[in-house]
ModelCIF file with pLDDT and N, C-alpha, C, O atoms, coordinates in Angstrom:
data_MODEL
#
_entry.id   MODEL 
#
_entity.id                         1 
_entity.type                       polymer 
_entity.pdbx_number_of_molecules   1 
#
_entity_poly.entity_id                      1 
_entity_poly.type                           'polypeptide(L)' 
_entity_poly.nstd_linkage                   no 
_entity_poly.nstd_monomer                   no 
_entity_poly.pdbx_seq_one_letter_code       
;(UNK)(UNK)(UNK)(UNK)(UNK)(UNK)(UNK)(UNK)(UNK)(UNK)(UNK)(UNK)(UNK)(UNK)(UNK)(UNK)
(UNK)(UNK)(UNK)(UNK)(UNK)(UNK)(UNK)(UNK)(UNK)(UNK)(UNK)(UNK)(UNK)(UNK)(UNK)(UNK)
(UNK)(UNK)(UNK)(UNK)(UNK)(UNK)(UNK)(UNK)(UNK)(UNK)(UNK)(UNK)(UNK)(UNK)(UNK)(UNK)
;
_entity_poly.pdbx_seq_one_letter_code_can   XXXXXXXXXXXXXXXXXXXXXXXXXXXXXXXXXXXXXXXXXXXXXXXX 
_entity_poly.pdbx_strand_id                 A 
#
loop_
_entity_poly_seq.entity_id 
_entity_poly_seq.num 
_entity_poly_seq.mon_id 
_entity_poly_seq.hetero 
1 1  UNK n 
1 2  UNK n 
1 3  UNK n 
1 4  UNK n 
1 5  UNK n 
1 6  UNK n 
1 7  UNK n 
1 8  UNK n 
1 9  UNK n 
1 10 UNK n 
1 11 UNK n 
1 12 UNK n 
1 13 UNK n 
1 14 UNK n 
1 15 UNK n 
1 16 UNK n 
1 17 UNK n 
1 18 UNK n 
1 19 UNK n 
1 20 UNK n 
1 21 UNK n 
1 22 UNK n 
1 23 UNK n 
1 24 UNK n 
1 25 UNK n 
1 26 UNK n 
1 27 UNK n 
1 28 UNK n 
1 29 UNK n 
1 30 UNK n 
1 31 UNK n 
1 32 UNK n 
1 33 UNK n 
1 34 UNK n 
1 35 UNK n 
1 36 UNK n 
1 37 UNK n 
1 38 UNK n 
1 39 UNK n 
1 40 UNK n 
1 41 UNK n 
1 42 UNK n 
1 43 UNK n 
1 44 UNK n 
1 45 UNK n 
1 46 UNK n 
1 47 UNK n 
1 48 UNK n 
#
_struct_asym.id          A 
_struct_asym.entity_id   1 
#
loop_
_ma_qa_metric.id 
_ma_qa_metric.mode 
_ma_qa_metric.name 
_ma_qa_metric.software_group_id 
_ma_qa_metric.type 
1 global pLDDT . pLDDT 
2 local  pLDDT . pLDDT 
#
_ma_qa_metric_global.metric_id      1 
_ma_qa_metric_global.metric_value   94.25 
_ma_qa_metric_global.model_id       1 
_ma_qa_metric_global.ordinal_id     1 
#
loop_
_ma_qa_metric_local.label_asym_id 
_ma_qa_metric_local.label_comp_id 
_ma_qa_metric_local.label_seq_id 
_ma_qa_metric_local.metric_id 
_ma_qa_metric_local.metric_value 
_ma_qa_metric_local.model_id 
_ma_qa_metric_local.ordinal_id 
A UNK 1  2 96.00 1 1  
A UNK 2  2 96.00 1 2  
A UNK 3  2 96.00 1 3  
A UNK 4  2 95.00 1 4  
A UNK 5  2 94.00 1 5  
A UNK 6  2 95.00 1 6  
A UNK 7  2 95.00 1 7  
A UNK 8  2 95.00 1 8  
A UNK 9  2 94.00 1 9  
A UNK 10 2 94.00 1 10 
A UNK 11 2 95.00 1 11 
A UNK 12 2 96.00 1 12 
A UNK 13 2 96.00 1 13 
A UNK 14 2 97.00 1 14 
A UNK 15 2 97.00 1 15 
A UNK 16 2 97.00 1 16 
A UNK 17 2 96.00 1 17 
A UNK 18 2 95.00 1 18 
A UNK 19 2 90.00 1 19 
A UNK 20 2 91.00 1 20 
A UNK 21 2 90.00 1 21 
A UNK 22 2 92.00 1 22 
A UNK 23 2 94.00 1 23 
A UNK 24 2 94.00 1 24 
A UNK 25 2 93.00 1 25 
A UNK 26 2 90.00 1 26 
A UNK 27 2 91.00 1 27 
A UNK 28 2 95.00 1 28 
A UNK 29 2 95.00 1 29 
A UNK 30 2 94.00 1 30 
A UNK 31 2 95.00 1 31 
A UNK 32 2 95.00 1 32 
A UNK 33 2 96.00 1 33 
A UNK 34 2 95.00 1 34 
A UNK 35 2 94.00 1 35 
A UNK 36 2 95.00 1 36 
A UNK 37 2 96.00 1 37 
A UNK 38 2 95.00 1 38 
A UNK 39 2 95.00 1 39 
A UNK 40 2 95.00 1 40 
A UNK 41 2 96.00 1 41 
A UNK 42 2 95.00 1 42 
A UNK 43 2 95.00 1 43 
A UNK 44 2 94.00 1 44 
A UNK 45 2 92.00 1 45 
A UNK 46 2 92.00 1 46 
A UNK 47 2 91.00 1 47 
A UNK 48 2 90.00 1 48 
#
loop_
_atom_site.group_PDB 
_atom_site.id 
_atom_site.type_symbol 
_atom_site.label_atom_id 
_atom_site.label_alt_id 
_atom_site.label_comp_id 
_atom_site.label_asym_id 
_atom_site.label_entity_id 
_atom_site.label_seq_id 
_atom_site.pdbx_PDB_ins_code 
_atom_site.Cartn_x 
_atom_site.Cartn_y 
_atom_site.Cartn_z 
_atom_site.occupancy 
_atom_site.B_iso_or_equiv 
_atom_site.pdbx_formal_charge 
_atom_site.auth_seq_id 
_atom_site.auth_comp_id 
_atom_site.auth_asym_id 
_atom_site.auth_atom_id 
_atom_site.pdbx_PDB_model_num 
ATOM 1   N N  . UNK A 1 1  ? 153.712 35.739 50.194 1.00 96.00 ? 1  UNK A N  1 
ATOM 2   C CA . UNK A 1 1  ? 152.506 35.310 48.216 1.00 96.00 ? 1  UNK A CA 1 
ATOM 3   C C  . UNK A 1 1  ? 153.447 33.538 48.594 1.00 96.00 ? 1  UNK A C  1 
ATOM 4   O O  . UNK A 1 1  ? 154.485 33.165 49.141 1.00 96.00 ? 1  UNK A O  1 
ATOM 5   N N  . UNK A 1 2  ? 151.771 32.681 47.589 1.00 96.00 ? 2  UNK A N  1 
ATOM 6   C CA . UNK A 1 2  ? 153.020 31.636 46.926 1.00 96.00 ? 2  UNK A CA 1 
ATOM 7   C C  . UNK A 1 2  ? 152.755 31.417 45.996 1.00 96.00 ? 2  UNK A C  1 
ATOM 8   O O  . UNK A 1 2  ? 151.589 31.047 46.130 1.00 96.00 ? 2  UNK A O  1 
ATOM 9   N N  . UNK A 1 3  ? 153.066 31.337 44.689 1.00 96.00 ? 3  UNK A N  1 
ATOM 10  C CA . UNK A 1 3  ? 152.608 31.288 43.529 1.00 96.00 ? 3  UNK A CA 1 
ATOM 11  C C  . UNK A 1 3  ? 152.756 29.604 42.207 1.00 96.00 ? 3  UNK A C  1 
ATOM 12  O O  . UNK A 1 3  ? 153.626 29.104 41.493 1.00 96.00 ? 3  UNK A O  1 
ATOM 13  N N  . UNK A 1 4  ? 151.422 29.356 42.541 1.00 95.00 ? 4  UNK A N  1 
ATOM 14  C CA . UNK A 1 4  ? 151.809 28.119 41.339 1.00 95.00 ? 4  UNK A CA 1 
ATOM 15  C C  . UNK A 1 4  ? 150.914 27.864 40.145 1.00 95.00 ? 4  UNK A C  1 
ATOM 16  O O  . UNK A 1 4  ? 150.294 28.774 39.595 1.00 95.00 ? 4  UNK A O  1 
ATOM 17  N N  . UNK A 1 5  ? 150.861 26.483 39.723 1.00 94.00 ? 5  UNK A N  1 
ATOM 18  C CA . UNK A 1 5  ? 149.879 26.619 38.438 1.00 94.00 ? 5  UNK A CA 1 
ATOM 19  C C  . UNK A 1 5  ? 150.122 27.148 37.178 1.00 94.00 ? 5  UNK A C  1 
ATOM 20  O O  . UNK A 1 5  ? 149.368 27.268 36.212 1.00 94.00 ? 5  UNK A O  1 
ATOM 21  N N  . UNK A 1 6  ? 152.069 27.645 37.435 1.00 95.00 ? 6  UNK A N  1 
ATOM 22  C CA . UNK A 1 6  ? 152.224 28.110 35.394 1.00 95.00 ? 6  UNK A CA 1 
ATOM 23  C C  . UNK A 1 6  ? 152.786 26.672 35.059 1.00 95.00 ? 6  UNK A C  1 
ATOM 24  O O  . UNK A 1 6  ? 153.376 25.698 35.528 1.00 95.00 ? 6  UNK A O  1 
ATOM 25  N N  . UNK A 1 7  ? 151.738 27.629 33.033 1.00 95.00 ? 7  UNK A N  1 
ATOM 26  C CA . UNK A 1 7  ? 151.813 25.871 32.807 1.00 95.00 ? 7  UNK A CA 1 
ATOM 27  C C  . UNK A 1 7  ? 152.612 26.803 31.367 1.00 95.00 ? 7  UNK A C  1 
ATOM 28  O O  . UNK A 1 7  ? 152.949 26.057 30.448 1.00 95.00 ? 7  UNK A O  1 
ATOM 29  N N  . UNK A 1 8  ? 152.890 28.233 31.167 1.00 95.00 ? 8  UNK A N  1 
ATOM 30  C CA . UNK A 1 8  ? 153.309 28.570 30.297 1.00 95.00 ? 8  UNK A CA 1 
ATOM 31  C C  . UNK A 1 8  ? 154.436 29.115 29.766 1.00 95.00 ? 8  UNK A C  1 
ATOM 32  O O  . UNK A 1 8  ? 155.146 29.815 30.488 1.00 95.00 ? 8  UNK A O  1 
ATOM 33  N N  . UNK A 1 9  ? 154.809 28.860 28.301 1.00 94.00 ? 9  UNK A N  1 
ATOM 34  C CA . UNK A 1 9  ? 156.003 27.964 28.543 1.00 94.00 ? 9  UNK A CA 1 
ATOM 35  C C  . UNK A 1 9  ? 156.791 29.438 28.949 1.00 94.00 ? 9  UNK A C  1 
ATOM 36  O O  . UNK A 1 9  ? 157.403 29.648 29.997 1.00 94.00 ? 9  UNK A O  1 
ATOM 37  N N  . UNK A 1 10 ? 156.603 30.350 27.864 1.00 94.00 ? 10 UNK A N  1 
ATOM 38  C CA . UNK A 1 10 ? 157.221 32.143 28.733 1.00 94.00 ? 10 UNK A CA 1 
ATOM 39  C C  . UNK A 1 10 ? 156.992 32.427 30.268 1.00 94.00 ? 10 UNK A C  1 
ATOM 40  O O  . UNK A 1 10 ? 157.557 33.383 30.800 1.00 94.00 ? 10 UNK A O  1 
ATOM 41  N N  . UNK A 1 11 ? 155.906 31.334 31.185 1.00 95.00 ? 11 UNK A N  1 
ATOM 42  C CA . UNK A 1 11 ? 155.826 31.852 32.658 1.00 95.00 ? 11 UNK A CA 1 
ATOM 43  C C  . UNK A 1 11 ? 155.382 32.893 32.648 1.00 95.00 ? 11 UNK A C  1 
ATOM 44  O O  . UNK A 1 11 ? 155.432 33.423 31.538 1.00 95.00 ? 11 UNK A O  1 
ATOM 45  N N  . UNK A 1 12 ? 154.554 33.979 34.098 1.00 96.00 ? 12 UNK A N  1 
ATOM 46  C CA . UNK A 1 12 ? 153.607 34.278 33.914 1.00 96.00 ? 12 UNK A CA 1 
ATOM 47  C C  . UNK A 1 12 ? 154.188 35.269 34.806 1.00 96.00 ? 12 UNK A C  1 
ATOM 48  O O  . UNK A 1 12 ? 154.907 35.032 35.776 1.00 96.00 ? 12 UNK A O  1 
ATOM 49  N N  . UNK A 1 13 ? 153.805 36.403 34.381 1.00 96.00 ? 13 UNK A N  1 
ATOM 50  C CA . UNK A 1 13 ? 154.508 37.665 36.052 1.00 96.00 ? 13 UNK A CA 1 
ATOM 51  C C  . UNK A 1 13 ? 153.084 38.807 36.758 1.00 96.00 ? 13 UNK A C  1 
ATOM 52  O O  . UNK A 1 13 ? 151.936 39.186 36.529 1.00 96.00 ? 13 UNK A O  1 
ATOM 53  N N  . UNK A 1 14 ? 153.858 38.891 37.414 1.00 97.00 ? 14 UNK A N  1 
ATOM 54  C CA . UNK A 1 14 ? 152.721 39.291 38.856 1.00 97.00 ? 14 UNK A CA 1 
ATOM 55  C C  . UNK A 1 14 ? 153.762 41.161 38.603 1.00 97.00 ? 14 UNK A C  1 
ATOM 56  O O  . UNK A 1 14 ? 154.852 41.615 38.255 1.00 97.00 ? 14 UNK A O  1 
ATOM 57  N N  . UNK A 1 15 ? 152.076 41.666 39.208 1.00 97.00 ? 15 UNK A N  1 
ATOM 58  C CA . UNK A 1 15 ? 152.411 42.658 39.685 1.00 97.00 ? 15 UNK A CA 1 
ATOM 59  C C  . UNK A 1 15 ? 151.984 43.587 41.160 1.00 97.00 ? 15 UNK A C  1 
ATOM 60  O O  . UNK A 1 15 ? 150.783 43.529 41.422 1.00 97.00 ? 15 UNK A O  1 
ATOM 61  N N  . UNK A 1 16 ? 152.782 44.368 42.065 1.00 97.00 ? 16 UNK A N  1 
ATOM 62  C CA . UNK A 1 16 ? 151.837 44.670 42.592 1.00 97.00 ? 16 UNK A CA 1 
ATOM 63  C C  . UNK A 1 16 ? 151.457 45.953 42.776 1.00 97.00 ? 16 UNK A C  1 
ATOM 64  O O  . UNK A 1 16 ? 152.141 46.872 42.327 1.00 97.00 ? 16 UNK A O  1 
ATOM 65  N N  . UNK A 1 17 ? 150.234 46.181 43.511 1.00 96.00 ? 17 UNK A N  1 
ATOM 66  C CA . UNK A 1 17 ? 149.602 47.327 43.711 1.00 96.00 ? 17 UNK A CA 1 
ATOM 67  C C  . UNK A 1 17 ? 148.881 48.276 44.848 1.00 96.00 ? 17 UNK A C  1 
ATOM 68  O O  . UNK A 1 17 ? 147.760 47.790 44.994 1.00 96.00 ? 17 UNK A O  1 
ATOM 69  N N  . UNK A 1 18 ? 149.010 49.296 45.626 1.00 95.00 ? 18 UNK A N  1 
ATOM 70  C CA . UNK A 1 18 ? 147.830 49.008 46.585 1.00 95.00 ? 18 UNK A CA 1 
ATOM 71  C C  . UNK A 1 18 ? 147.262 50.499 46.374 1.00 95.00 ? 18 UNK A C  1 
ATOM 72  O O  . UNK A 1 18 ? 147.664 51.190 45.438 1.00 95.00 ? 18 UNK A O  1 
ATOM 73  N N  . UNK A 1 19 ? 146.299 50.957 47.301 1.00 90.00 ? 19 UNK A N  1 
ATOM 74  C CA . UNK A 1 19 ? 145.855 52.284 47.940 1.00 90.00 ? 19 UNK A CA 1 
ATOM 75  C C  . UNK A 1 19 ? 146.773 52.848 48.232 1.00 90.00 ? 19 UNK A C  1 
ATOM 76  O O  . UNK A 1 19 ? 147.867 52.473 48.654 1.00 90.00 ? 19 UNK A O  1 
ATOM 77  N N  . UNK A 1 20 ? 145.965 54.735 47.805 1.00 91.00 ? 20 UNK A N  1 
ATOM 78  C CA . UNK A 1 20 ? 146.654 55.660 49.539 1.00 91.00 ? 20 UNK A CA 1 
ATOM 79  C C  . UNK A 1 20 ? 146.348 54.617 50.798 1.00 91.00 ? 20 UNK A C  1 
ATOM 80  O O  . UNK A 1 20 ? 145.580 53.722 51.151 1.00 91.00 ? 20 UNK A O  1 
ATOM 81  N N  . UNK A 1 21 ? 147.585 55.437 51.244 1.00 90.00 ? 21 UNK A N  1 
ATOM 82  C CA . UNK A 1 21 ? 147.690 54.854 53.075 1.00 90.00 ? 21 UNK A CA 1 
ATOM 83  C C  . UNK A 1 21 ? 147.771 53.048 52.936 1.00 90.00 ? 21 UNK A C  1 
ATOM 84  O O  . UNK A 1 21 ? 146.974 52.419 53.632 1.00 90.00 ? 21 UNK A O  1 
ATOM 85  N N  . UNK A 1 22 ? 148.700 52.298 52.070 1.00 92.00 ? 22 UNK A N  1 
ATOM 86  C CA . UNK A 1 22 ? 148.745 51.331 52.521 1.00 92.00 ? 22 UNK A CA 1 
ATOM 87  C C  . UNK A 1 22 ? 150.615 51.821 51.274 1.00 92.00 ? 22 UNK A C  1 
ATOM 88  O O  . UNK A 1 22 ? 150.531 52.813 50.550 1.00 92.00 ? 22 UNK A O  1 
ATOM 89  N N  . UNK A 1 23 ? 151.809 51.094 51.278 1.00 94.00 ? 23 UNK A N  1 
ATOM 90  C CA . UNK A 1 23 ? 152.917 51.587 50.406 1.00 94.00 ? 23 UNK A CA 1 
ATOM 91  C C  . UNK A 1 23 ? 153.022 50.793 50.231 1.00 94.00 ? 23 UNK A C  1 
ATOM 92  O O  . UNK A 1 23 ? 152.233 50.117 50.891 1.00 94.00 ? 23 UNK A O  1 
ATOM 93  N N  . UNK A 1 24 ? 154.001 49.881 49.240 1.00 94.00 ? 24 UNK A N  1 
ATOM 94  C CA . UNK A 1 24 ? 154.935 48.388 48.418 1.00 94.00 ? 24 UNK A CA 1 
ATOM 95  C C  . UNK A 1 24 ? 156.637 49.682 49.235 1.00 94.00 ? 24 UNK A C  1 
ATOM 96  O O  . UNK A 1 24 ? 156.834 50.897 49.253 1.00 94.00 ? 24 UNK A O  1 
ATOM 97  N N  . UNK A 1 25 ? 157.365 48.536 49.707 1.00 93.00 ? 25 UNK A N  1 
ATOM 98  C CA . UNK A 1 25 ? 158.135 48.816 50.147 1.00 93.00 ? 25 UNK A CA 1 
ATOM 99  C C  . UNK A 1 25 ? 159.530 47.219 49.139 1.00 93.00 ? 25 UNK A C  1 
ATOM 100 O O  . UNK A 1 25 ? 160.084 46.200 49.550 1.00 93.00 ? 25 UNK A O  1 
ATOM 101 N N  . UNK A 1 26 ? 159.464 47.978 47.738 1.00 90.00 ? 26 UNK A N  1 
ATOM 102 C CA . UNK A 1 26 ? 160.683 46.697 47.152 1.00 90.00 ? 26 UNK A CA 1 
ATOM 103 C C  . UNK A 1 26 ? 159.761 47.152 45.997 1.00 90.00 ? 26 UNK A C  1 
ATOM 104 O O  . UNK A 1 26 ? 159.005 48.116 45.875 1.00 90.00 ? 26 UNK A O  1 
ATOM 105 N N  . UNK A 1 27 ? 160.213 45.737 44.895 1.00 91.00 ? 27 UNK A N  1 
ATOM 106 C CA . UNK A 1 27 ? 159.526 45.641 43.659 1.00 91.00 ? 27 UNK A CA 1 
ATOM 107 C C  . UNK A 1 27 ? 158.192 44.906 44.148 1.00 91.00 ? 27 UNK A C  1 
ATOM 108 O O  . UNK A 1 27 ? 157.817 44.033 44.930 1.00 91.00 ? 27 UNK A O  1 
ATOM 109 N N  . UNK A 1 28 ? 157.679 45.873 43.125 1.00 95.00 ? 28 UNK A N  1 
ATOM 110 C CA . UNK A 1 28 ? 155.901 45.824 42.718 1.00 95.00 ? 28 UNK A CA 1 
ATOM 111 C C  . UNK A 1 28 ? 156.348 44.743 41.392 1.00 95.00 ? 28 UNK A C  1 
ATOM 112 O O  . UNK A 1 28 ? 155.395 43.964 41.381 1.00 95.00 ? 28 UNK A O  1 
ATOM 113 N N  . UNK A 1 29 ? 157.121 44.386 40.491 1.00 95.00 ? 29 UNK A N  1 
ATOM 114 C CA . UNK A 1 29 ? 157.069 43.493 40.054 1.00 95.00 ? 29 UNK A CA 1 
ATOM 115 C C  . UNK A 1 29 ? 157.450 41.773 40.237 1.00 95.00 ? 29 UNK A C  1 
ATOM 116 O O  . UNK A 1 29 ? 158.506 41.517 40.815 1.00 95.00 ? 29 UNK A O  1 
ATOM 117 N N  . UNK A 1 30 ? 156.797 40.896 39.864 1.00 94.00 ? 30 UNK A N  1 
ATOM 118 C CA . UNK A 1 30 ? 157.619 39.530 39.881 1.00 94.00 ? 30 UNK A CA 1 
ATOM 119 C C  . UNK A 1 30 ? 157.079 38.786 38.279 1.00 94.00 ? 30 UNK A C  1 
ATOM 120 O O  . UNK A 1 30 ? 156.163 38.883 37.461 1.00 94.00 ? 30 UNK A O  1 
ATOM 121 N N  . UNK A 1 31 ? 158.726 37.785 38.593 1.00 95.00 ? 31 UNK A N  1 
ATOM 122 C CA . UNK A 1 31 ? 157.634 36.602 36.998 1.00 95.00 ? 31 UNK A CA 1 
ATOM 123 C C  . UNK A 1 31 ? 158.414 35.143 37.492 1.00 95.00 ? 31 UNK A C  1 
ATOM 124 O O  . UNK A 1 31 ? 159.581 34.886 37.786 1.00 95.00 ? 31 UNK A O  1 
ATOM 125 N N  . UNK A 1 32 ? 157.048 34.260 37.422 1.00 95.00 ? 32 UNK A N  1 
ATOM 126 C CA . UNK A 1 32 ? 157.376 33.166 37.731 1.00 95.00 ? 32 UNK A CA 1 
ATOM 127 C C  . UNK A 1 32 ? 157.016 32.314 36.588 1.00 95.00 ? 32 UNK A C  1 
ATOM 128 O O  . UNK A 1 32 ? 156.283 32.657 35.661 1.00 95.00 ? 32 UNK A O  1 
ATOM 129 N N  . UNK A 1 33 ? 157.682 30.997 36.756 1.00 96.00 ? 33 UNK A N  1 
ATOM 130 C CA . UNK A 1 33 ? 158.701 30.281 35.880 1.00 96.00 ? 33 UNK A CA 1 
ATOM 131 C C  . UNK A 1 33 ? 157.582 29.328 36.023 1.00 96.00 ? 33 UNK A C  1 
ATOM 132 O O  . UNK A 1 33 ? 156.516 29.378 36.637 1.00 96.00 ? 33 UNK A O  1 
ATOM 133 N N  . UNK A 1 34 ? 157.972 28.719 35.503 1.00 95.00 ? 34 UNK A N  1 
ATOM 134 C CA . UNK A 1 34 ? 156.656 27.602 34.366 1.00 95.00 ? 34 UNK A CA 1 
ATOM 135 C C  . UNK A 1 34 ? 157.506 26.159 35.218 1.00 95.00 ? 34 UNK A C  1 
ATOM 136 O O  . UNK A 1 34 ? 158.666 25.753 35.288 1.00 95.00 ? 34 UNK A O  1 
ATOM 137 N N  . UNK A 1 35 ? 156.245 25.755 35.734 1.00 94.00 ? 35 UNK A N  1 
ATOM 138 C CA . UNK A 1 35 ? 156.293 24.707 36.105 1.00 94.00 ? 35 UNK A CA 1 
ATOM 139 C C  . UNK A 1 35 ? 156.498 24.387 37.543 1.00 94.00 ? 35 UNK A C  1 
ATOM 140 O O  . UNK A 1 35 ? 156.550 23.271 38.060 1.00 94.00 ? 35 UNK A O  1 
ATOM 141 N N  . UNK A 1 36 ? 156.630 25.811 38.222 1.00 95.00 ? 36 UNK A N  1 
ATOM 142 C CA . UNK A 1 36 ? 158.276 25.753 40.080 1.00 95.00 ? 36 UNK A CA 1 
ATOM 143 C C  . UNK A 1 36 ? 156.482 26.436 40.596 1.00 95.00 ? 36 UNK A C  1 
ATOM 144 O O  . UNK A 1 36 ? 155.377 26.772 40.170 1.00 95.00 ? 36 UNK A O  1 
ATOM 145 N N  . UNK A 1 37 ? 157.336 26.277 41.809 1.00 96.00 ? 37 UNK A N  1 
ATOM 146 C CA . UNK A 1 37 ? 156.215 26.309 42.926 1.00 96.00 ? 37 UNK A CA 1 
ATOM 147 C C  . UNK A 1 37 ? 157.175 28.227 43.421 1.00 96.00 ? 37 UNK A C  1 
ATOM 148 O O  . UNK A 1 37 ? 158.404 28.191 43.368 1.00 96.00 ? 37 UNK A O  1 
ATOM 149 N N  . UNK A 1 38 ? 156.627 29.384 43.758 1.00 95.00 ? 38 UNK A N  1 
ATOM 150 C CA . UNK A 1 38 ? 157.427 30.402 43.860 1.00 95.00 ? 38 UNK A CA 1 
ATOM 151 C C  . UNK A 1 38 ? 157.026 31.200 45.207 1.00 95.00 ? 38 UNK A C  1 
ATOM 152 O O  . UNK A 1 38 ? 155.822 30.951 45.167 1.00 95.00 ? 38 UNK A O  1 
ATOM 153 N N  . UNK A 1 39 ? 157.091 31.519 45.681 1.00 95.00 ? 39 UNK A N  1 
ATOM 154 C CA . UNK A 1 39 ? 157.333 32.124 47.426 1.00 95.00 ? 39 UNK A CA 1 
ATOM 155 C C  . UNK A 1 39 ? 157.981 33.690 47.132 1.00 95.00 ? 39 UNK A C  1 
ATOM 156 O O  . UNK A 1 39 ? 158.929 33.763 46.350 1.00 95.00 ? 39 UNK A O  1 
ATOM 157 N N  . UNK A 1 40 ? 157.486 34.860 47.733 1.00 95.00 ? 40 UNK A N  1 
ATOM 158 C CA . UNK A 1 40 ? 157.567 35.600 48.244 1.00 95.00 ? 40 UNK A CA 1 
ATOM 159 C C  . UNK A 1 40 ? 156.778 36.216 49.287 1.00 95.00 ? 40 UNK A C  1 
ATOM 160 O O  . UNK A 1 40 ? 155.736 36.031 49.917 1.00 95.00 ? 40 UNK A O  1 
ATOM 161 N N  . UNK A 1 41 ? 158.254 37.466 49.135 1.00 96.00 ? 41 UNK A N  1 
ATOM 162 C CA . UNK A 1 41 ? 156.812 38.509 51.021 1.00 96.00 ? 41 UNK A CA 1 
ATOM 163 C C  . UNK A 1 41 ? 157.681 40.113 50.804 1.00 96.00 ? 41 UNK A C  1 
ATOM 164 O O  . UNK A 1 41 ? 158.760 40.706 50.796 1.00 96.00 ? 41 UNK A O  1 
ATOM 165 N N  . UNK A 1 42 ? 156.077 40.197 50.635 1.00 95.00 ? 42 UNK A N  1 
ATOM 166 C CA . UNK A 1 42 ? 155.880 41.924 50.112 1.00 95.00 ? 42 UNK A CA 1 
ATOM 167 C C  . UNK A 1 42 ? 155.998 42.032 51.091 1.00 95.00 ? 42 UNK A C  1 
ATOM 168 O O  . UNK A 1 42 ? 155.915 41.086 51.874 1.00 95.00 ? 42 UNK A O  1 
ATOM 169 N N  . UNK A 1 43 ? 156.392 44.001 51.649 1.00 95.00 ? 43 UNK A N  1 
ATOM 170 C CA . UNK A 1 43 ? 156.857 44.483 52.572 1.00 95.00 ? 43 UNK A CA 1 
ATOM 171 C C  . UNK A 1 43 ? 155.757 45.898 52.850 1.00 95.00 ? 43 UNK A C  1 
ATOM 172 O O  . UNK A 1 43 ? 155.996 47.050 52.489 1.00 95.00 ? 43 UNK A O  1 
ATOM 173 N N  . UNK A 1 44 ? 154.968 45.593 53.321 1.00 94.00 ? 44 UNK A N  1 
ATOM 174 C CA . UNK A 1 44 ? 154.760 46.905 53.586 1.00 94.00 ? 44 UNK A CA 1 
ATOM 175 C C  . UNK A 1 44 ? 153.954 48.009 54.685 1.00 94.00 ? 44 UNK A C  1 
ATOM 176 O O  . UNK A 1 44 ? 153.465 47.817 55.798 1.00 94.00 ? 44 UNK A O  1 
ATOM 177 N N  . UNK A 1 45 ? 154.091 49.601 53.570 1.00 92.00 ? 45 UNK A N  1 
ATOM 178 C CA . UNK A 1 45 ? 153.943 49.983 55.137 1.00 92.00 ? 45 UNK A CA 1 
ATOM 179 C C  . UNK A 1 45 ? 152.653 50.791 55.914 1.00 92.00 ? 45 UNK A C  1 
ATOM 180 O O  . UNK A 1 45 ? 152.183 51.784 55.357 1.00 92.00 ? 45 UNK A O  1 
ATOM 181 N N  . UNK A 1 46 ? 152.242 50.447 56.888 1.00 92.00 ? 46 UNK A N  1 
ATOM 182 C CA . UNK A 1 46 ? 150.891 51.934 57.004 1.00 92.00 ? 46 UNK A CA 1 
ATOM 183 C C  . UNK A 1 46 ? 150.998 53.283 57.299 1.00 92.00 ? 46 UNK A C  1 
ATOM 184 O O  . UNK A 1 46 ? 151.564 53.897 58.204 1.00 92.00 ? 46 UNK A O  1 
ATOM 185 N N  . UNK A 1 47 ? 149.813 53.870 55.598 1.00 91.00 ? 47 UNK A N  1 
ATOM 186 C CA . UNK A 1 47 ? 150.809 55.690 56.961 1.00 91.00 ? 47 UNK A CA 1 
ATOM 187 C C  . UNK A 1 47 ? 149.334 55.814 57.443 1.00 91.00 ? 47 UNK A C  1 
ATOM 188 O O  . UNK A 1 47 ? 149.058 56.898 56.930 1.00 91.00 ? 47 UNK A O  1 
ATOM 189 N N  . UNK A 1 48 ? 148.257 55.437 58.060 1.00 90.00 ? 48 UNK A N  1 
ATOM 190 C CA . UNK A 1 48 ? 147.446 55.333 58.348 1.00 90.00 ? 48 UNK A CA 1 
ATOM 191 C C  . UNK A 1 48 ? 145.428 54.226 58.490 1.00 90.00 ? 48 UNK A C  1 
ATOM 192 O O  . UNK A 1 48 ? 144.525 54.675 59.197 1.00 90.00 ? 48 UNK A O  1 
#
């Protein structure tokens, strides 16, 4: 994932979720700094 365009002085936030059958391995929230490009890697486990 790549996030850009954060202009709010307090930054921005990201929340991740999935449907049953797919689960997130790791953090479900991110904080994005103002004016910076942020890259993230989300690891998912397929259950079916």
